[in-house]
PDB file of N, CA and C in Angstrom:
ATOM      1  N   UNK A   1     147.517  34.643  76.929  1.00  0.00           N
ATOM      2  CA  UNK A   1     146.823  35.723  76.261  1.00  0.00           C
ATOM      3  C   UNK A   1     147.722  36.950  76.294  1.00  0.00           C
ATOM      4  N   UNK A   2     147.814  37.657  75.203  1.00  0.00           N
ATOM      5  CA  UNK A   2     148.661  38.842  75.134  1.00  0.00           C
ATOM      6  C   UNK A   2     147.995  40.014  75.856  1.00  0.00           C
ATOM      7  N   UNK A   3     148.804  41.033  76.190  1.00  0.00           N
ATOM      8  CA  UNK A   3     148.269  42.222  76.853  1.00  0.00           C
ATOM      9  C   UNK A   3     147.262  42.923  75.961  1.00  0.00           C
ATOM     10  N   UNK A   4     147.504  42.917  74.658  1.00  0.00           N
ATOM     11  CA  UNK A   4     146.581  43.547  73.719  1.00  0.00           C
ATOM     12  C   UNK A   4     145.242  42.817  73.715  1.00  0.00           C
ATOM     13  N   UNK A   5     145.286  41.506  73.709  1.00  0.00           N
ATOM     14  CA  UNK A   5     144.047  40.731  73.717  1.00  0.00           C
ATOM     15  C   UNK A   5     143.291  40.943  75.022  1.00  0.00           C
ATOM     16  N   UNK A   6     144.012  41.025  76.143  1.00  0.00           N
ATOM     17  CA  UNK A   6     143.354  41.247  77.432  1.00  0.00           C
ATOM     18  C   UNK A   6     142.730  42.632  77.487  1.00  0.00           C
ATOM     19  N   UNK A   7     143.425  43.637  76.952  1.00  0.00           N
ATOM     20  CA  UNK A   7     142.894  44.996  76.958  1.00  0.00           C
ATOM     21  C   UNK A   7     141.674  45.118  76.074  1.00  0.00           C
ATOM     22  N   UNK A   8     141.584  44.290  75.050  1.00  0.00           N
ATOM     23  CA  UNK A   8     140.456  44.352  74.135  1.00  0.00           C
ATOM     24  C   UNK A   8     139.332  43.418  74.561  1.00  0.00           C
ATOM     25  N   UNK A   9     139.442  42.823  75.766  1.00  0.00           N
ATOM     26  CA  UNK A   9     138.440  41.878  76.247  1.00  0.00           C
ATOM     27  C   UNK A   9     137.092  42.529  76.485  1.00  0.00           C
ATOM     28  N   UNK A  10     136.145  41.716  76.820  1.00  0.00           N
ATOM     29  CA  UNK A  10     134.804  42.203  77.099  1.00  0.00           C
ATOM     30  C   UNK A  10     134.770  42.885  78.457  1.00  0.00           C
ATOM     31  N   UNK A  11     133.740  43.693  78.745  1.00  0.00           N
ATOM     32  CA  UNK A  11     133.642  44.318  80.065  1.00  0.00           C
ATOM     33  C   UNK A  11     133.645  43.290  81.197  1.00  0.00           C
ATOM     34  N   UNK A  12     133.106  42.109  80.972  1.00  0.00           N
ATOM     35  CA  UNK A  12     133.111  41.081  82.011  1.00  0.00           C
ATOM     36  C   UNK A  12     134.517  40.626  82.342  1.00  0.00           C
ATOM     37  N   UNK A  13     135.447  40.741  81.398  1.00  0.00           N
ATOM     38  CA  UNK A  13     136.837  40.373  81.644  1.00  0.00           C
ATOM     39  C   UNK A  13     137.515  41.351  82.599  1.00  0.00           C
ATOM     40  N   UNK A  14     136.954  42.550  82.719  1.00  0.00           N
ATOM     41  CA  UNK A  14     137.569  43.581  83.556  1.00  0.00           C
ATOM     42  C   UNK A  14     136.926  43.689  84.935  1.00  0.00           C
ATOM     43  N   UNK A  15     135.905  42.922  85.243  1.00  0.00           N
ATOM     44  CA  UNK A  15     135.266  42.952  86.551  1.00  0.00           C
ATOM     45  C   UNK A  15     136.110  42.154  87.529  1.00  0.00           C
ATOM     46  N   UNK A  16     136.398  42.756  88.660  1.00  0.00           N
ATOM     47  CA  UNK A  16     137.187  42.088  89.683  1.00  0.00           C
ATOM     48  C   UNK A  16     136.306  41.120  90.466  1.00  0.00           C
ATOM     49  N   UNK A  17     136.831  39.973  90.821  1.00  0.00           N
ATOM     50  CA  UNK A  17     136.042  39.072  91.669  1.00  0.00           C
ATOM     51  C   UNK A  17     135.906  39.664  93.061  1.00  0.00           C
ATOM     52  N   UNK A  18     134.726  39.612  93.629  1.00  0.00           N
ATOM     53  CA  UNK A  18     134.501  40.132  94.976  1.00  0.00           C
ATOM     54  C   UNK A  18     135.108  39.190  96.004  1.00  0.00           C
ATOM     55  N   UNK A  19     135.596  39.764  97.067  1.00  0.00           N
ATOM     56  CA  UNK A  19     136.118  39.000  98.204  1.00  0.00           C
ATOM     57  C   UNK A  19     137.246  38.042  97.821  1.00  0.00           C
ATOM     58  N   UNK A  20     137.966  38.329  96.751  1.00  0.00           N
ATOM     59  CA  UNK A  20     139.040  37.447  96.307  1.00  0.00           C
ATOM     60  C   UNK A  20     140.350  37.723  97.038  1.00  0.00           C
ATOM     61  N   UNK A  21     140.517  38.927  97.511  1.00  0.00           N
ATOM     62  CA  UNK A  21     141.728  39.306  98.239  1.00  0.00           C
ATOM     63  C   UNK A  21     141.352  39.550  99.692  1.00  0.00           C
ATOM     64  N   UNK A  22     142.357  39.567 100.542  1.00  0.00           N
ATOM     65  CA  UNK A  22     142.098  39.869 101.943  1.00  0.00           C
ATOM     66  C   UNK A  22     142.712  41.195 102.354  1.00  0.00           C
ATOM     67  N   UNK A  23     143.498  41.794 101.451  1.00  0.00           N
ATOM     68  CA  UNK A  23     144.099  43.104 101.697  1.00  0.00           C
ATOM     69  C   UNK A  23     143.996  43.933 100.429  1.00  0.00           C
ATOM     70  N   UNK A  24     143.553  45.173 100.602  1.00  0.00           N
ATOM     71  CA  UNK A  24     143.426  46.088  99.473  1.00  0.00           C
ATOM     72  C   UNK A  24     144.045  47.418  99.860  1.00  0.00           C
ATOM     73  N   UNK A  25     144.807  48.017  98.949  1.00  0.00           N
ATOM     74  CA  UNK A  25     145.291  49.384  99.110  1.00  0.00           C
ATOM     75  C   UNK A  25     144.348  50.274  98.330  1.00  0.00           C
ATOM     76  N   UNK A  26     143.868  51.334  98.982  1.00  0.00           N
ATOM     77  CA  UNK A  26     142.934  52.254  98.346  1.00  0.00           C
ATOM     78  C   UNK A  26     143.474  53.670  98.462  1.00  0.00           C
ATOM     79  N   UNK A  27     142.974  54.552  97.610  1.00  0.00           N
ATOM     80  CA  UNK A  27     143.368  55.957  97.636  1.00  0.00           C
ATOM     81  C   UNK A  27     142.144  56.811  97.940  1.00  0.00           C
ATOM     82  N   UNK A  28     142.374  58.090  98.116  1.00  0.00           N
ATOM     83  CA  UNK A  28     141.261  59.009  98.385  1.00  0.00           C
ATOM     84  C   UNK A  28     140.262  59.047  97.225  1.00  0.00           C
ATOM     85  N   UNK A  29     140.710  58.679  96.036  1.00  0.00           N
ATOM     86  CA  UNK A  29     139.799  58.612  94.888  1.00  0.00           C
ATOM     87  C   UNK A  29     138.763  57.505  95.063  1.00  0.00           C
ATOM     88  N   UNK A  30     139.021  56.534  95.937  1.00  0.00           N
ATOM     89  CA  UNK A  30     138.098  55.427  96.197  1.00  0.00           C
ATOM     90  C   UNK A  30     137.058  55.755  97.264  1.00  0.00           C
ATOM     91  N   UNK A  31     137.164  56.942  97.879  1.00  0.00           N
ATOM     92  CA  UNK A  31     136.228  57.321  98.941  1.00  0.00           C
ATOM     93  C   UNK A  31     134.923  57.838  98.360  1.00  0.00           C
ATOM     94  N   UNK A  32     133.786  57.629  98.972  1.00  0.00           N
ATOM     95  CA  UNK A  32     133.604  56.832 100.168  1.00  0.00           C
ATOM     96  C   UNK A  32     133.833  55.358  99.853  1.00  0.00           C
ATOM     97  N   UNK A  33     134.493  54.675 100.762  1.00  0.00           N
ATOM     98  CA  UNK A  33     134.897  53.287 100.559  1.00  0.00           C
ATOM     99  C   UNK A  33     133.776  52.335 100.936  1.00  0.00           C
ATOM    100  N   UNK A  34     133.512  51.407 100.048  1.00  0.00           N
ATOM    101  CA  UNK A  34     132.532  50.366 100.351  1.00  0.00           C
ATOM    102  C   UNK A  34     133.133  49.012 100.024  1.00  0.00           C
ATOM    103  N   UNK A  35     132.646  48.010 100.699  1.00  0.00           N
ATOM    104  CA  UNK A  35     133.022  46.633 100.398  1.00  0.00           C
ATOM    105  C   UNK A  35     131.728  45.891 100.096  1.00  0.00           C
ATOM    106  N   UNK A  36     131.600  45.272  98.943  1.00  0.00           N
ATOM    107  CA  UNK A  36     132.558  45.245  97.854  1.00  0.00           C
ATOM    108  C   UNK A  36     132.662  46.609  97.172  1.00  0.00           C
ATOM    109  N   UNK A  37     133.812  46.848  96.576  1.00  0.00           N
ATOM    110  CA  UNK A  37     134.061  48.114  95.893  1.00  0.00           C
ATOM    111  C   UNK A  37     133.394  48.118  94.521  1.00  0.00           C
ATOM    112  N   UNK A  38     133.125  49.324  93.976  1.00  0.00           N
ATOM    113  CA  UNK A  38     132.622  49.398  92.604  1.00  0.00           C
ATOM    114  C   UNK A  38     133.616  48.705  91.668  1.00  0.00           C
ATOM    115  N   UNK A  39     133.128  48.016  90.687  1.00  0.00           N
ATOM    116  CA  UNK A  39     133.992  47.294  89.768  1.00  0.00           C
ATOM    117  C   UNK A  39     134.203  45.849  90.170  1.00  0.00           C
ATOM    118  N   UNK A  40     133.685  45.457  91.330  1.00  0.00           N
ATOM    119  CA  UNK A  40     133.773  44.063  91.755  1.00  0.00           C
ATOM    120  C   UNK A  40     132.472  43.349  91.410  1.00  0.00           C
ATOM    121  N   UNK A  41     132.587  42.099  91.119  1.00  0.00           N
ATOM    122  CA  UNK A  41     131.417  41.274  90.849  1.00  0.00           C
ATOM    123  C   UNK A  41     130.553  41.217  92.097  1.00  0.00           C
ATOM    124  N   UNK A  42     129.248  41.425  91.958  1.00  0.00           N
ATOM    125  CA  UNK A  42     128.370  41.462  93.119  1.00  0.00           C
ATOM    126  C   UNK A  42     127.544  40.202  93.298  1.00  0.00           C
ATOM    127  N   UNK A  43     127.449  39.378  92.298  1.00  0.00           N
ATOM    128  CA  UNK A  43     126.536  38.233  92.375  1.00  0.00           C
ATOM    129  C   UNK A  43     126.917  37.240  93.455  1.00  0.00           C
ATOM    130  N   UNK A  44     128.193  37.177  93.814  1.00  0.00           N
ATOM    131  CA  UNK A  44     128.627  36.197  94.813  1.00  0.00           C
ATOM    132  C   UNK A  44     129.207  36.873  96.049  1.00  0.00           C
ATOM    133  N   UNK A  45     128.706  38.049  96.361  1.00  0.00           N
ATOM    134  CA  UNK A  45     129.274  38.822  97.444  1.00  0.00           C
ATOM    135  C   UNK A  45     128.266  39.038  98.566  1.00  0.00           C
ATOM    136  N   UNK A  46     128.724  39.731  99.586  1.00  0.00           N
ATOM    137  CA  UNK A  46     127.873  40.090 100.722  1.00  0.00           C
ATOM    138  C   UNK A  46     127.218  41.443 100.459  1.00  0.00           C
ATOM    139  N   UNK A  47     126.281  41.875 101.305  1.00  0.00           N
ATOM    140  CA  UNK A  47     125.678  43.202 101.127  1.00  0.00           C
ATOM    141  C   UNK A  47     126.737  44.300 101.204  1.00  0.00           C
ATOM    142  N   UNK A  48     126.506  45.390 100.505  1.00  0.00           N
ATOM    143  CA  UNK A  48     127.448  46.506 100.507  1.00  0.00           C
ATOM    144  C   UNK A  48     127.467  47.154 101.886  1.00  0.00           C
ATOM    145  N   UNK A  49     128.664  47.420 102.369  1.00  0.00           N
ATOM    146  CA  UNK A  49     128.851  48.108 103.642  1.00  0.00           C
ATOM    147  C   UNK A  49     129.893  49.199 103.419  1.00  0.00           C
ATOM    148  N   UNK A  50     129.639  50.384 103.979  1.00  0.00           N
ATOM    149  CA  UNK A  50     130.587  51.487 103.863  1.00  0.00           C
ATOM    150  C   UNK A  50     131.556  51.445 105.039  1.00  0.00           C
ATOM    151  N   UNK A  51     132.831  51.657 104.734  1.00  0.00           N
ATOM    152  CA  UNK A  51     133.886  51.540 105.736  1.00  0.00           C
ATOM    153  C   UNK A  51     134.564  52.891 105.955  1.00  0.00           C
ATOM    154  N   UNK A  52     134.733  53.331 107.213  1.00  0.00           N
ATOM    155  CA  UNK A  52     135.344  54.633 107.516  1.00  0.00           C
ATOM    156  C   UNK A  52     136.870  54.575 107.526  1.00  0.00           C
ATOM    157  N   UNK A  53     137.467  54.266 106.405  1.00  0.00           N
ATOM    158  CA  UNK A  53     138.921  54.103 106.324  1.00  0.00           C
ATOM    159  C   UNK A  53     139.657  55.413 106.572  1.00  0.00           C
ATOM    160  N   UNK A  54     139.038  56.553 106.280  1.00  0.00           N
ATOM    161  CA  UNK A  54     139.728  57.825 106.442  1.00  0.00           C
ATOM    162  C   UNK A  54     139.935  58.188 107.915  1.00  0.00           C
ATOM    163  N   UNK A  55     139.209  57.572 108.842  1.00  0.00           N
ATOM    164  CA  UNK A  55     139.346  57.877 110.266  1.00  0.00           C
ATOM    165  C   UNK A  55     140.694  57.435 110.821  1.00  0.00           C
ATOM    166  N   UNK A  56     141.144  56.231 110.471  1.00  0.00           N
ATOM    167  CA  UNK A  56     142.393  55.705 111.034  1.00  0.00           C
ATOM    168  C   UNK A  56     143.413  55.279 109.987  1.00  0.00           C
ATOM    169  N   UNK A  57     143.005  55.253 108.717  1.00  0.00           N
ATOM    170  CA  UNK A  57     143.916  54.819 107.660  1.00  0.00           C
ATOM    171  C   UNK A  57     143.744  53.363 107.297  1.00  0.00           C
ATOM    172  N   UNK A  58     143.011  52.602 108.127  1.00  0.00           N
ATOM    173  CA  UNK A  58     142.699  51.213 107.812  1.00  0.00           C
ATOM    174  C   UNK A  58     141.269  50.918 108.260  1.00  0.00           C
ATOM    175  N   UNK A  59     140.666  49.938 107.615  1.00  0.00           N
ATOM    176  CA  UNK A  59     139.327  49.499 107.994  1.00  0.00           C
ATOM    177  C   UNK A  59     139.182  48.036 107.597  1.00  0.00           C
ATOM    178  N   UNK A  60     138.396  47.304 108.372  1.00  0.00           N
ATOM    179  CA  UNK A  60     138.166  45.892 108.084  1.00  0.00           C
ATOM    180  C   UNK A  60     136.683  45.662 107.855  1.00  0.00           C
ATOM    181  N   UNK A  61     136.379  44.924 106.788  1.00  0.00           N
ATOM    182  CA  UNK A  61     135.005  44.609 106.451  1.00  0.00           C
ATOM    183  C   UNK A  61     134.444  43.630 107.483  1.00  0.00           C
ATOM    184  N   UNK A  62     133.274  43.931 108.060  1.00  0.00           N
ATOM    185  CA  UNK A  62     132.698  43.008 109.048  1.00  0.00           C
ATOM    186  C   UNK A  62     132.150  41.725 108.427  1.00  0.00           C
ATOM    187  N   UNK A  63     131.946  41.708 107.112  1.00  0.00           N
ATOM    188  CA  UNK A  63     131.411  40.518 106.451  1.00  0.00           C
ATOM    189  C   UNK A  63     132.502  39.554 106.007  1.00  0.00           C
ATOM    190  N   UNK A  64     133.471  40.049 105.235  1.00  0.00           N
ATOM    191  CA  UNK A  64     134.466  39.156 104.627  1.00  0.00           C
ATOM    192  C   UNK A  64     135.854  39.298 105.249  1.00  0.00           C
ATOM    193  N   UNK A  65     136.009  40.214 106.195  1.00  0.00           N
ATOM    194  CA  UNK A  65     137.267  40.447 106.919  1.00  0.00           C
ATOM    195  C   UNK A  65     138.373  41.030 106.055  1.00  0.00           C
ATOM    196  N   UNK A  66     138.048  41.521 104.859  1.00  0.00           N
ATOM    197  CA  UNK A  66     139.068  42.181 104.034  1.00  0.00           C
ATOM    198  C   UNK A  66     139.551  43.437 104.744  1.00  0.00           C
ATOM    199  N   UNK A  67     140.848  43.694 104.668  1.00  0.00           N
ATOM    200  CA  UNK A  67     141.448  44.874 105.289  1.00  0.00           C
ATOM    201  C   UNK A  67     141.789  45.869 104.188  1.00  0.00           C
ATOM    202  N   UNK A  68     141.320  47.098 104.364  1.00  0.00           N
ATOM    203  CA  UNK A  68     141.569  48.174 103.419  1.00  0.00           C
ATOM    204  C   UNK A  68     142.522  49.180 104.075  1.00  0.00           C
ATOM    205  N   UNK A  69     143.555  49.585 103.321  1.00  0.00           N
ATOM    206  CA  UNK A  69     144.539  50.548 103.818  1.00  0.00           C
ATOM    207  C   UNK A  69     144.555  51.749 102.888  1.00  0.00           C
ATOM    208  N   UNK A  70     144.383  52.926 103.473  1.00  0.00           N
ATOM    209  CA  UNK A  70     144.436  54.178 102.709  1.00  0.00           C
ATOM    210  C   UNK A  70     145.887  54.519 102.460  1.00  0.00           C
ATOM    211  N   UNK A  71     146.288  54.617 101.196  1.00  0.00           N
ATOM    212  CA  UNK A  71     147.708  54.769 100.866  1.00  0.00           C
ATOM    213  C   UNK A  71     148.149  56.192 100.579  1.00  0.00           C
ATOM    214  N   UNK A  72     147.237  57.156 100.583  1.00  0.00           N
ATOM    215  CA  UNK A  72     147.688  58.534 100.349  1.00  0.00           C
ATOM    216  C   UNK A  72     147.028  59.497 101.293  1.00  0.00           C
TER     217      UNK A  72
END
């Protein structure tokens, strides 16, 4: 699929799968940080939990063990 076709996809094409990665880099624009993050598919995920990543620069989700790192 071309980049143009992907960019013109449906909104469902742009939803990130929840819990698909085990490491995420986030910025201050993502605060307050929750797992799953906004924009992730929720139907197959765990309950939303807020993570205090700004305290130490990293946080781990107690449900899926994803590690979030604050990059700025």
